[in-house]
C-alpha cells in the first residue's frame, strides 16, 4: 500500500466519485478500510435499491447479510483508486461527476 495515499491523490475533491454496483457488492468493507477520505459506509441495503434488483441479486444480498457499500461522502473522493483495487468483487468504478 502507498506510504501516504492522501498526498498521492492529486485530484481535487468533487470531480471524480466512486460508484458501487449493488449487483456485485457483497458488503465486505474493504473499500471502507482503505479509503483515506471516509467516502464509504457499509449498511443494510435501502428498500428502494433492493426492489430494483432481480431475484438472483436479491438472493445474493440475503446470503451476504443484506449489507452493501454506499458512498454518502462521495464528494470528498480524490480519485486515489484504492477502493477500486481493494474490492474483491470489482464492484466499484470511478466516474466523473457532472
N, C-alpha and C. Protein backbone atom coordinates (compact mmCIF):
# COMPACT_ATOMS: atom_id res chain seq x y z
N UNK A 1 0.85 -1.17 0.00
CA UNK A 1 0.00 0.00 0.00
C UNK A 1 0.89 1.24 0.00
N UNK A 2 0.37 2.31 -0.51
CA UNK A 2 1.13 3.55 -0.60
C UNK A 2 1.49 4.08 0.77
N UNK A 3 2.60 4.80 0.83
CA UNK A 3 3.06 5.35 2.11
C UNK A 3 2.10 6.42 2.63
N UNK A 4 1.69 7.35 1.78
CA UNK A 4 0.75 8.40 2.17
C UNK A 4 -0.28 8.56 1.06
N UNK A 5 -1.36 7.77 1.08
CA UNK A 5 -2.32 7.78 -0.03
C UNK A 5 -3.00 9.13 -0.23
N UNK A 6 -3.20 9.90 0.82
CA UNK A 6 -3.85 11.20 0.67
C UNK A 6 -2.96 12.14 -0.14
N UNK A 7 -1.69 12.16 0.17
CA UNK A 7 -0.76 13.02 -0.55
C UNK A 7 -0.62 12.58 -2.01
N UNK A 8 -0.72 11.27 -2.26
CA UNK A 8 -0.60 10.74 -3.61
C UNK A 8 -1.80 11.07 -4.49
N UNK A 9 -2.91 11.42 -3.90
CA UNK A 9 -4.13 11.73 -4.66
C UNK A 9 -4.08 13.18 -5.13
N UNK A 10 -3.89 13.37 -6.41
CA UNK A 10 -3.72 14.71 -6.95
C UNK A 10 -5.05 15.39 -7.31
N UNK A 11 -6.09 14.60 -7.51
CA UNK A 11 -7.38 15.13 -7.94
C UNK A 11 -8.05 15.94 -6.83
N UNK A 12 -8.59 17.08 -7.19
CA UNK A 12 -9.37 17.87 -6.23
C UNK A 12 -10.67 17.14 -5.91
N UNK A 13 -11.16 17.22 -4.69
CA UNK A 13 -12.44 16.60 -4.34
C UNK A 13 -13.57 17.19 -5.18
N UNK A 14 -14.59 16.36 -5.46
CA UNK A 14 -15.77 16.82 -6.17
C UNK A 14 -15.72 16.66 -7.67
N UNK A 15 -14.65 16.12 -8.22
CA UNK A 15 -14.53 15.93 -9.67
C UNK A 15 -14.82 14.48 -10.05
N UNK A 16 -14.28 13.56 -9.30
CA UNK A 16 -14.45 12.12 -9.53
C UNK A 16 -15.16 11.53 -8.31
N UNK A 17 -16.04 10.56 -8.56
CA UNK A 17 -16.75 9.91 -7.45
C UNK A 17 -16.79 8.40 -7.68
N UNK A 18 -16.72 7.62 -6.60
CA UNK A 18 -16.87 6.17 -6.73
C UNK A 18 -18.35 5.80 -6.88
N UNK A 19 -18.61 4.85 -7.75
CA UNK A 19 -19.96 4.33 -7.93
C UNK A 19 -19.91 2.84 -7.63
N UNK A 20 -20.81 2.40 -6.76
CA UNK A 20 -20.85 1.00 -6.34
C UNK A 20 -21.95 0.27 -7.10
N UNK A 21 -21.59 -0.84 -7.72
CA UNK A 21 -22.55 -1.70 -8.40
C UNK A 21 -23.15 -2.64 -7.36
N UNK A 22 -24.40 -2.39 -6.99
CA UNK A 22 -25.04 -3.17 -5.92
C UNK A 22 -25.27 -4.62 -6.33
N UNK A 23 -25.22 -4.91 -7.62
CA UNK A 23 -25.35 -6.29 -8.07
C UNK A 23 -24.08 -7.09 -7.81
N UNK A 24 -22.97 -6.40 -7.62
CA UNK A 24 -21.70 -7.06 -7.37
C UNK A 24 -21.25 -6.97 -5.91
N UNK A 25 -21.60 -5.88 -5.25
CA UNK A 25 -21.12 -5.62 -3.89
C UNK A 25 -21.63 -6.68 -2.91
N UNK A 26 -20.72 -7.17 -2.06
CA UNK A 26 -21.08 -8.13 -1.02
C UNK A 26 -20.90 -7.55 0.37
N UNK A 27 -20.64 -6.25 0.46
CA UNK A 27 -20.56 -5.57 1.75
C UNK A 27 -19.42 -6.00 2.64
N UNK A 28 -18.32 -6.45 2.06
CA UNK A 28 -17.18 -6.93 2.85
C UNK A 28 -16.43 -5.80 3.55
N UNK A 29 -16.51 -4.58 3.01
CA UNK A 29 -15.93 -3.43 3.69
C UNK A 29 -14.49 -3.12 3.38
N UNK A 30 -13.90 -3.78 2.39
CA UNK A 30 -12.52 -3.47 2.03
C UNK A 30 -12.39 -2.01 1.59
N UNK A 31 -13.37 -1.52 0.87
CA UNK A 31 -13.37 -0.12 0.41
C UNK A 31 -13.35 0.83 1.60
N UNK A 32 -14.15 0.52 2.59
CA UNK A 32 -14.25 1.34 3.81
C UNK A 32 -12.90 1.42 4.52
N UNK A 33 -12.22 0.29 4.61
CA UNK A 33 -10.94 0.23 5.31
C UNK A 33 -9.82 0.98 4.60
N UNK A 34 -9.80 0.98 3.26
CA UNK A 34 -8.67 1.59 2.54
C UNK A 34 -8.89 3.05 2.18
N UNK A 35 -10.11 3.54 2.20
CA UNK A 35 -10.39 4.90 1.75
C UNK A 35 -9.86 5.94 2.74
N UNK A 36 -8.92 6.78 2.30
CA UNK A 36 -8.37 7.80 3.19
C UNK A 36 -9.29 9.00 3.39
N UNK A 37 -10.35 9.09 2.60
CA UNK A 37 -11.26 10.24 2.67
C UNK A 37 -12.60 9.90 3.32
N UNK A 38 -12.76 8.69 3.85
CA UNK A 38 -14.00 8.28 4.52
C UNK A 38 -15.23 8.46 3.63
N UNK A 39 -15.12 8.03 2.40
CA UNK A 39 -16.21 8.16 1.43
C UNK A 39 -17.29 7.10 1.64
N UNK A 40 -16.90 5.92 2.12
CA UNK A 40 -17.80 4.77 2.15
C UNK A 40 -18.41 4.50 3.53
N UNK A 41 -19.56 3.83 3.49
CA UNK A 41 -20.14 3.22 4.67
C UNK A 41 -20.77 1.90 4.24
N UNK A 42 -20.75 0.93 5.15
CA UNK A 42 -21.38 -0.36 4.90
C UNK A 42 -22.64 -0.38 5.75
N UNK A 43 -23.77 -0.65 5.08
CA UNK A 43 -25.04 -0.69 5.81
C UNK A 43 -26.04 -1.57 5.07
N UNK A 44 -27.17 -1.75 5.70
CA UNK A 44 -28.24 -2.55 5.09
C UNK A 44 -28.68 -1.87 3.80
N UNK A 45 -28.92 -2.67 2.78
CA UNK A 45 -29.35 -2.15 1.50
C UNK A 45 -30.68 -1.40 1.67
N UNK A 46 -30.79 -0.25 1.03
CA UNK A 46 -32.03 0.52 1.07
C UNK A 46 -33.15 -0.26 0.38
N UNK A 47 -34.36 -0.13 0.90
CA UNK A 47 -35.51 -0.83 0.31
C UNK A 47 -35.68 -0.47 -1.17
N UNK A 48 -35.52 0.79 -1.50
CA UNK A 48 -35.69 1.22 -2.90
C UNK A 48 -34.67 0.56 -3.82
N UNK A 49 -33.45 0.39 -3.35
CA UNK A 49 -32.43 -0.29 -4.14
C UNK A 49 -32.72 -1.78 -4.24
N UNK A 50 -33.20 -2.35 -3.15
CA UNK A 50 -33.48 -3.78 -3.10
C UNK A 50 -34.56 -4.18 -4.11
N UNK A 51 -35.63 -3.42 -4.17
CA UNK A 51 -36.73 -3.79 -5.08
C UNK A 51 -36.35 -3.62 -6.55
N UNK A 52 -35.33 -2.84 -6.83
CA UNK A 52 -34.87 -2.67 -8.22
C UNK A 52 -34.01 -3.84 -8.71
N UNK A 53 -33.60 -4.71 -7.80
CA UNK A 53 -32.75 -5.85 -8.17
C UNK A 53 -33.59 -7.03 -8.62
N UNK A 54 -33.03 -7.85 -9.50
CA UNK A 54 -33.72 -9.08 -9.90
C UNK A 54 -33.61 -10.11 -8.78
N UNK A 55 -34.34 -11.21 -8.89
CA UNK A 55 -34.41 -12.19 -7.81
C UNK A 55 -33.05 -12.79 -7.46
N UNK A 56 -32.20 -13.00 -8.49
CA UNK A 56 -30.90 -13.60 -8.23
C UNK A 56 -30.02 -12.69 -7.36
N UNK A 57 -30.04 -11.40 -7.65
CA UNK A 57 -29.23 -10.46 -6.87
C UNK A 57 -29.83 -10.20 -5.49
N UNK A 58 -31.15 -10.32 -5.37
CA UNK A 58 -31.78 -10.24 -4.05
C UNK A 58 -31.34 -11.41 -3.19
N UNK A 59 -31.29 -12.59 -3.78
CA UNK A 59 -30.85 -13.77 -3.06
C UNK A 59 -29.39 -13.62 -2.64
N UNK A 60 -28.56 -13.12 -3.53
CA UNK A 60 -27.14 -12.90 -3.22
C UNK A 60 -27.00 -11.95 -2.02
N UNK A 61 -27.79 -10.88 -2.01
CA UNK A 61 -27.75 -9.95 -0.88
C UNK A 61 -28.13 -10.64 0.42
N UNK A 62 -29.15 -11.47 0.37
CA UNK A 62 -29.57 -12.18 1.58
C UNK A 62 -28.46 -13.09 2.10
N UNK A 63 -27.78 -13.77 1.20
CA UNK A 63 -26.67 -14.64 1.59
C UNK A 63 -25.56 -13.85 2.27
N UNK A 64 -25.36 -12.61 1.83
CA UNK A 64 -24.28 -11.78 2.36
C UNK A 64 -24.76 -10.78 3.41
N UNK A 65 -25.88 -11.08 4.05
CA UNK A 65 -26.33 -10.30 5.19
C UNK A 65 -27.02 -8.99 4.87
N UNK A 66 -27.44 -8.81 3.61
CA UNK A 66 -28.18 -7.61 3.18
C UNK A 66 -27.35 -6.33 3.33
N UNK A 67 -26.03 -6.46 3.40
CA UNK A 67 -25.15 -5.30 3.57
C UNK A 67 -24.46 -4.97 2.25
N UNK A 68 -24.36 -3.67 1.97
CA UNK A 68 -23.66 -3.19 0.78
C UNK A 68 -22.93 -1.89 1.12
N UNK A 69 -22.07 -1.47 0.22
CA UNK A 69 -21.35 -0.21 0.40
C UNK A 69 -22.15 0.92 -0.23
N UNK A 70 -22.23 2.02 0.48
CA UNK A 70 -22.79 3.26 -0.05
C UNK A 70 -21.73 4.35 0.06
N UNK A 71 -21.92 5.41 -0.69
CA UNK A 71 -20.94 6.49 -0.73
C UNK A 71 -21.57 7.82 -0.30
N UNK A 72 -21.90 7.97 0.98
CA UNK A 72 -22.53 9.21 1.43
C UNK A 72 -21.62 10.43 1.37
N UNK A 73 -20.32 10.19 1.29
CA UNK A 73 -19.36 11.29 1.24
C UNK A 73 -18.59 11.28 -0.09
N UNK A 74 -19.28 10.93 -1.17
CA UNK A 74 -18.64 10.79 -2.48
C UNK A 74 -17.95 12.07 -2.95
N UNK A 75 -18.47 13.21 -2.55
CA UNK A 75 -17.89 14.48 -2.99
C UNK A 75 -16.49 14.71 -2.42
N UNK A 76 -16.08 13.91 -1.43
CA UNK A 76 -14.74 14.04 -0.84
C UNK A 76 -13.69 13.21 -1.58
N UNK A 77 -14.13 12.37 -2.51
CA UNK A 77 -13.21 11.48 -3.22
C UNK A 77 -12.15 12.27 -3.97
N UNK A 78 -10.90 11.81 -3.83
CA UNK A 78 -9.77 12.44 -4.52
C UNK A 78 -9.18 11.52 -5.58
N UNK A 79 -9.93 10.48 -5.92
CA UNK A 79 -9.59 9.59 -7.03
C UNK A 79 -8.27 8.85 -6.87
N UNK A 80 -7.98 8.39 -5.67
CA UNK A 80 -6.73 7.63 -5.47
C UNK A 80 -6.83 6.22 -6.03
N UNK A 81 -8.07 5.69 -6.11
CA UNK A 81 -8.27 4.37 -6.68
C UNK A 81 -8.05 3.21 -5.74
N UNK A 82 -7.76 3.47 -4.47
CA UNK A 82 -7.53 2.39 -3.52
C UNK A 82 -8.76 1.50 -3.36
N UNK A 83 -9.94 2.09 -3.40
CA UNK A 83 -11.18 1.33 -3.26
C UNK A 83 -11.38 0.37 -4.43
N UNK A 84 -11.08 0.86 -5.62
CA UNK A 84 -11.23 0.03 -6.82
C UNK A 84 -10.32 -1.18 -6.73
N UNK A 85 -9.10 -0.96 -6.32
CA UNK A 85 -8.12 -2.04 -6.19
C UNK A 85 -8.48 -3.00 -5.07
N UNK A 86 -9.01 -2.49 -3.98
CA UNK A 86 -9.30 -3.31 -2.80
C UNK A 86 -10.54 -4.18 -2.94
N UNK A 87 -11.47 -3.79 -3.77
CA UNK A 87 -12.75 -4.50 -3.88
C UNK A 87 -12.58 -5.86 -4.57
N UNK A 88 -12.80 -6.96 -3.84
CA UNK A 88 -12.62 -8.29 -4.45
C UNK A 88 -13.70 -8.62 -5.47
N UNK A 89 -14.83 -7.93 -5.43
CA UNK A 89 -15.93 -8.19 -6.38
C UNK A 89 -15.88 -7.28 -7.60
N UNK A 90 -14.92 -6.37 -7.62
CA UNK A 90 -14.81 -5.37 -8.71
C UNK A 90 -16.14 -4.62 -8.87
N UNK A 91 -16.70 -4.20 -7.73
CA UNK A 91 -18.00 -3.53 -7.71
C UNK A 91 -17.90 -2.01 -7.74
N UNK A 92 -16.68 -1.47 -7.75
CA UNK A 92 -16.51 -0.02 -7.67
C UNK A 92 -15.79 0.50 -8.91
N UNK A 93 -16.34 1.58 -9.45
CA UNK A 93 -15.64 2.28 -10.53
C UNK A 93 -15.66 3.77 -10.20
N UNK A 94 -14.69 4.47 -10.72
CA UNK A 94 -14.61 5.91 -10.53
C UNK A 94 -15.15 6.60 -11.76
N UNK A 95 -16.05 7.55 -11.55
CA UNK A 95 -16.67 8.27 -12.67
C UNK A 95 -16.60 9.78 -12.42
N UNK A 96 -16.55 10.51 -13.50
CA UNK A 96 -16.54 11.96 -13.41
C UNK A 96 -17.91 12.46 -13.00
N UNK A 97 -17.93 13.33 -12.00
CA UNK A 97 -19.20 13.91 -11.54
C UNK A 97 -19.64 14.99 -12.53
N UNK A 98 -20.93 15.11 -12.70
CA UNK A 98 -21.45 16.14 -13.61
C UNK A 98 -22.13 17.25 -12.84
